Structures are given as C-alpha cells and as structure tokens.
Amino acid sequence: MNFEPLEKKLGLKFKNKDLLMQAFTHRSYINENPSFRLSHNERLEFLGDAVMELIVTEHLYKEFPEKAEGDLTNWRAALVNAKMLTSVAEELGFNDYLLLSKGETKETGKARAYILANSWEALIGAMYLDSGYKTTENFIKKYLMIKLADIIKDGSYKDSKSKFQEEAQERVSITPVYRVLKEWGPDHDKKFTVGVYLGSELIAEGQGSSKQEAEEASAELALEVKNWK
C-alpha cells in the first residue's frame, strides 16, 4: 500500500512510514496475514484517543474562557464521538487506505464506520509518536476543530435525550420517562429495548447494548415520530 498520496493530501510527512501504515492496519488483516511485519492499530488507537481528547480539551478551554464546563464537555463529546470521527475519516479518503481482511472489506454500515473512527484515532497516535504534540495539534485543528462552528450553530452537541426533553417540556409541558421493555443475551453481551413515554403514551422504542444506548436510540426515534427535529 502506497501512503504517499494520503500524506500529500493531508499535508503530512511521516519519518517512520511503518507507523503510518500500522495506523490503518485492522486486526482482521493480521489474522488473515499472520506473517505481516506490523501489528494491528489498536495500541495506536488507545494512544490517539487520549492525545486527541487532550488537544481538543485544551483548545476549548483556551478559546472559550467564558463558557462553563458543561458546555465545553458537550462540545468535546460532539467533536470526538465515533459518528464525527467516521465522517471526517470518510471526507479525507481513509477508506482507500484501510488494510482489512477480505471479509471486512465487504462490510459496510456500522462495522465500517467503527473501523474508520478507530483508524482516525490510530493515525493521531501514530502522528504524535512520529512528529510530536504540535504537529498533531495543528492537524486536529485543521481537520476536526473546524467542525465546531457547525456543531454550535445546529445544536448537534446536544444528545437526543436532551433535545427530546427540551422539546417535550416546551411543547407539552411533560418530562419524558424511559422504561426498559425487554432485555436479553448473556451478561457480557446484553441487549436492551427501552421505551420513551410522555405521560402514559409510548412514543418510541429503541435498542442498544446498554440502557443508556437504548434510551438515546428511543429518544432519537421519538424526535422523528413527533417531527420535533
């Protein structure tokens, strides 16, 4: 895989090209190619996640001295969540550079989105090791922090539960209530169905691998059902 076009596109110049390649190497590729000279990208992802959080946090802290911790936390969460990272990775053409097994290559949807978000974090980790904090900070400001203005403008930093509660209280003066309707699966892989109610009326149901995830899914659907988006 030739990563030179990606480096050129992103304005990067890796001293250690193996670090760059490793950032895009998925575990499935190693499983299918055990003699491959590099490891998968999960350790880089672990490092990159922490580096990114620090850089984003520092930027928000310095640029918005008048904002309370709650607002900064919500903005940071909107910037570093998997959905945002997947979107940025797609925009930058990461799909063309992923080293995946033949099976994973065919996967799309959530599975691919998860891999793309992880590759972004791994690239941040690789960049930090290769070029240091300042280069990594400049990269994150250029490609991720520019999303902040839109996040603030459209209110997307608010999660669906917060949005639905605000709309429900404003429109019908009712605070939504969430109830677990069903749970199944072994302890290490539980699934939940949660319903969101306005009074006694069930508005929507959502599923997730945690109660919180299922609540968020039900709130998102409820906003669509009520046409409150």
Protein backbone atom coordinates (compact mmCIF):
# COMPACT_ATOMS: atom_id res chain seq x y z
CA MET A 1 0.00 0.00 0.00
CA ASN A 2 1.42 3.39 -1.01
CA PHE A 3 0.50 6.06 1.55
CA GLU A 4 2.33 8.88 -0.22
CA PRO A 5 -0.84 10.30 -1.85
CA LEU A 6 -2.54 10.42 1.55
CA GLU A 7 0.43 12.16 3.14
CA LYS A 8 0.42 14.71 0.33
CA LYS A 9 -3.33 15.25 0.61
CA LEU A 10 -3.21 15.74 4.39
CA GLY A 11 -0.01 17.78 4.43
CA LEU A 12 1.89 15.16 6.44
CA LYS A 13 5.43 13.78 6.17
CA PHE A 14 5.97 10.72 8.32
CA LYS A 15 9.56 9.93 9.24
CA ASN A 16 8.55 6.39 10.21
CA LYS A 17 6.34 5.11 7.37
CA ASP A 18 5.61 1.91 9.31
CA LEU A 19 3.75 3.93 11.95
CA LEU A 20 1.54 5.41 9.26
CA MET A 21 0.80 2.01 7.73
CA GLN A 22 0.14 0.47 11.13
CA ALA A 23 -2.45 3.15 11.86
CA PHE A 24 -4.56 1.76 9.02
CA THR A 25 -3.97 -1.94 9.77
CA HIS A 26 -7.06 -3.64 11.17
CA ARG A 27 -6.83 -6.71 13.40
CA SER A 28 -8.66 -8.78 10.76
CA TYR A 29 -5.86 -8.14 8.26
CA ILE A 30 -3.26 -9.50 10.69
CA ASN A 31 -5.42 -12.56 11.38
CA GLU A 32 -5.58 -13.24 7.64
CA ASN A 33 -1.91 -12.35 7.04
CA PRO A 34 -0.04 -13.59 10.15
CA SER A 35 3.37 -13.07 8.51
CA PHE A 36 2.72 -9.33 8.03
CA ARG A 37 5.62 -7.42 9.60
CA LEU A 38 3.49 -4.90 11.51
CA SER A 39 0.95 -5.22 14.30
CA HIS A 40 -2.65 -4.01 14.14
CA ASN A 41 -3.61 -0.45 15.07
CA GLU A 42 -5.33 -0.94 18.43
CA ARG A 43 -2.46 0.28 20.63
CA LEU A 44 -2.08 3.37 18.44
CA GLU A 45 -5.82 3.91 18.70
CA PHE A 46 -5.57 3.76 22.51
CA LEU A 47 -2.86 6.42 22.49
CA GLY A 48 -4.52 8.58 19.84
CA ASP A 49 -7.79 8.71 21.73
CA ALA A 50 -6.06 10.22 24.77
CA VAL A 51 -3.96 12.65 22.73
CA MET A 52 -7.00 13.87 20.78
CA GLU A 53 -9.04 14.38 23.96
CA LEU A 54 -6.25 16.47 25.50
CA ILE A 55 -5.76 18.63 22.39
CA VAL A 56 -9.49 19.25 21.93
CA THR A 57 -9.95 19.95 25.65
CA GLU A 58 -7.03 22.40 25.74
CA HIS A 59 -8.31 24.20 22.65
CA LEU A 60 -11.83 24.58 24.03
CA TYR A 61 -10.51 25.71 27.42
CA LYS A 62 -8.33 28.43 25.89
CA GLU A 63 -10.68 29.61 23.13
CA PHE A 64 -13.87 29.84 25.22
CA PRO A 65 -12.91 31.26 28.65
CA GLU A 66 -16.48 32.45 29.23
CA LYS A 67 -18.04 29.02 28.78
CA ALA A 68 -18.94 26.72 31.67
CA GLU A 69 -17.53 23.21 32.00
CA GLY A 70 -20.86 21.67 30.97
CA ASP A 71 -20.90 23.39 27.57
CA LEU A 72 -17.27 22.54 26.91
CA THR A 73 -17.89 18.90 27.82
CA ASN A 74 -20.84 18.69 25.42
CA TRP A 75 -18.88 20.32 22.59
CA ARG A 76 -15.93 17.99 23.15
CA ALA A 77 -18.20 14.94 23.15
CA ALA A 78 -19.73 16.05 19.83
CA LEU A 79 -16.28 16.52 18.30
CA VAL A 80 -14.69 13.24 19.40
CA ASN A 81 -17.61 10.84 19.13
CA ALA A 82 -17.48 7.95 16.66
CA LYS A 83 -20.01 9.49 14.29
CA MET A 84 -17.96 12.67 13.85
CA LEU A 85 -14.64 10.82 13.52
CA THR A 86 -16.15 8.48 10.92
CA SER A 87 -17.44 11.44 8.95
CA VAL A 88 -14.05 13.18 8.95
CA ALA A 89 -12.22 9.96 8.06
CA GLU A 90 -14.57 9.42 5.12
CA GLU A 91 -14.11 13.01 3.92
CA LEU A 92 -10.33 12.51 3.96
CA GLY A 93 -10.49 9.28 1.98
CA PHE A 94 -9.38 6.85 4.69
CA ASN A 95 -11.47 4.08 3.10
CA ASP A 96 -8.91 3.80 0.32
CA TYR A 97 -6.07 3.03 2.73
CA LEU A 98 -7.55 0.57 5.23
CA LEU A 99 -5.79 -2.79 5.44
CA LEU A 100 -8.64 -5.23 6.08
CA SER A 101 -9.36 -8.92 5.71
CA LYS A 102 -11.33 -9.97 2.64
CA GLY A 103 -14.40 -10.40 4.83
CA GLU A 104 -14.10 -6.98 6.46
CA THR A 105 -13.59 -5.36 3.05
CA LYS A 106 -17.18 -6.33 2.19
CA GLU A 107 -18.60 -4.92 5.43
CA THR A 108 -20.36 -1.58 5.30
CA GLY A 109 -22.61 0.39 7.61
CA LYS A 110 -21.85 0.40 11.34
CA ALA A 111 -18.98 -2.07 11.12
CA ARG A 112 -17.07 0.06 8.60
CA ALA A 113 -17.92 3.27 10.44
CA TYR A 114 -16.40 1.85 13.63
CA ILE A 115 -13.22 0.86 11.76
CA LEU A 116 -12.93 4.33 10.20
CA ALA A 117 -13.32 6.11 13.54
CA ASN A 118 -10.67 3.84 15.07
CA SER A 119 -8.29 4.48 12.17
CA TRP A 120 -8.59 8.24 12.80
CA GLU A 121 -7.63 7.74 16.45
CA ALA A 122 -4.78 5.41 15.44
CA LEU A 123 -3.48 7.99 12.97
CA ILE A 124 -3.46 10.61 15.73
CA GLY A 125 -1.47 8.22 17.93
CA ALA A 126 0.98 7.49 15.11
CA MET A 127 1.38 11.19 14.30
CA TYR A 128 2.04 12.03 17.95
CA LEU A 129 4.79 9.38 18.17
CA ASP A 130 6.30 10.37 14.83
CA SER A 131 6.08 14.17 14.87
CA GLY A 132 5.13 15.26 18.38
CA TYR A 133 2.41 17.31 20.02
CA LYS A 134 2.49 20.49 17.92
CA THR A 135 2.14 18.76 14.54
CA THR A 136 -0.70 16.64 15.92
CA GLU A 137 -2.39 19.70 17.40
CA ASN A 138 -2.22 21.54 14.07
CA PHE A 139 -3.67 18.54 12.25
CA ILE A 140 -6.59 18.20 14.67
CA LYS A 141 -7.33 21.93 14.48
CA LYS A 142 -7.28 21.81 10.68
CA TYR A 143 -9.50 18.79 10.14
CA LEU A 144 -11.56 18.32 13.33
CA MET A 145 -11.87 21.61 15.21
CA ILE A 146 -13.27 23.34 12.10
CA LYS A 147 -16.43 21.27 12.68
CA LEU A 148 -17.12 23.10 15.94
CA ALA A 149 -18.84 26.13 14.40
CA ASP A 150 -21.47 23.94 12.74
CA ILE A 151 -21.92 21.88 15.91
CA ILE A 152 -22.67 25.04 17.90
CA LYS A 153 -24.87 26.53 15.18
CA ASP A 154 -27.12 23.50 14.64
CA GLY A 155 -27.16 22.34 18.27
CA SER A 156 -25.92 18.86 17.36
CA TYR A 157 -23.78 18.81 20.50
CA LYS A 158 -26.95 18.07 22.42
CA ASP A 159 -27.74 14.37 22.58
CA SER A 160 -31.18 13.13 21.54
CA LYS A 161 -32.34 12.65 25.14
CA SER A 162 -31.56 16.27 25.96
CA LYS A 163 -33.24 17.51 22.78
CA PHE A 164 -36.38 15.41 23.32
CA GLN A 165 -36.69 16.52 26.93
CA GLU A 166 -36.34 20.20 25.98
CA GLU A 167 -38.91 19.88 23.19
CA ALA A 168 -41.36 17.88 25.32
CA GLN A 169 -41.20 20.33 28.21
CA GLU A 170 -41.57 23.31 25.92
CA ARG A 171 -44.35 21.91 23.69
CA VAL A 172 -46.46 19.74 26.01
CA SER A 173 -45.08 20.53 29.49
CA ILE A 174 -44.23 16.87 30.14
CA THR A 175 -40.89 15.36 31.13
CA PRO A 176 -40.18 12.12 29.21
CA VAL A 177 -39.86 8.87 31.16
CA TYR A 178 -37.80 5.87 30.00
CA ARG A 179 -38.68 2.26 30.81
CA VAL A 180 -36.83 -0.95 29.97
CA LEU A 181 -39.30 -3.06 27.99
CA LYS A 182 -37.05 -6.02 27.26
CA GLU A 183 -33.54 -7.30 27.94
CA TRP A 184 -31.85 -10.40 26.62
CA GLY A 185 -28.50 -12.05 25.97
CA PRO A 186 -25.62 -13.18 28.23
CA ASP A 187 -24.14 -10.82 30.79
CA HIS A 188 -21.16 -9.97 28.59
CA ASP A 189 -23.37 -9.16 25.59
CA LYS A 190 -26.66 -7.78 26.91
CA LYS A 191 -29.20 -6.07 24.68
CA PHE A 192 -31.98 -3.74 25.82
CA THR A 193 -35.20 -2.37 24.41
CA VAL A 194 -36.26 0.88 26.08
CA GLY A 195 -39.49 2.78 25.57
CA VAL A 196 -39.82 6.55 25.99
CA TYR A 197 -43.15 7.80 27.34
CA LEU A 198 -44.91 11.13 27.56
CA GLY A 199 -47.28 10.54 30.41
CA SER A 200 -48.82 7.12 29.73
CA GLU A 201 -48.26 7.30 25.96
CA LEU A 202 -45.45 5.21 24.49
CA ILE A 203 -43.83 7.41 21.85
CA ALA A 204 -40.99 5.22 20.57
CA GLU A 205 -38.79 2.24 21.34
CA GLY A 206 -35.03 1.95 20.90
CA GLN A 207 -32.48 -0.83 21.21
CA GLY A 208 -28.89 -0.83 22.37
CA SER A 209 -26.15 -2.78 24.11
CA SER A 210 -26.67 -0.69 27.26
CA LYS A 211 -29.69 1.01 28.82
CA GLN A 212 -28.16 4.40 28.05
CA GLU A 213 -27.65 3.50 24.38
CA ALA A 214 -31.21 2.20 24.10
CA GLU A 215 -32.58 5.35 25.75
CA GLU A 216 -30.65 7.53 23.29
CA ALA A 217 -31.97 5.45 20.37
CA SER A 218 -35.55 5.73 21.59
CA ALA A 219 -35.24 9.49 22.07
CA GLU A 220 -33.82 9.92 18.57
CA LEU A 221 -36.74 7.97 17.10
CA ALA A 222 -39.21 9.89 19.27
CA LEU A 223 -37.96 13.19 17.81
CA GLU A 224 -38.75 11.81 14.35
CA VAL A 225 -42.14 10.40 15.38
CA LYS A 226 -43.20 13.76 16.83
CA ASN A 227 -41.50 15.66 14.00
CA TRP A 228 -39.62 17.74 16.56
CA LYS A 229 -36.22 17.64 14.79
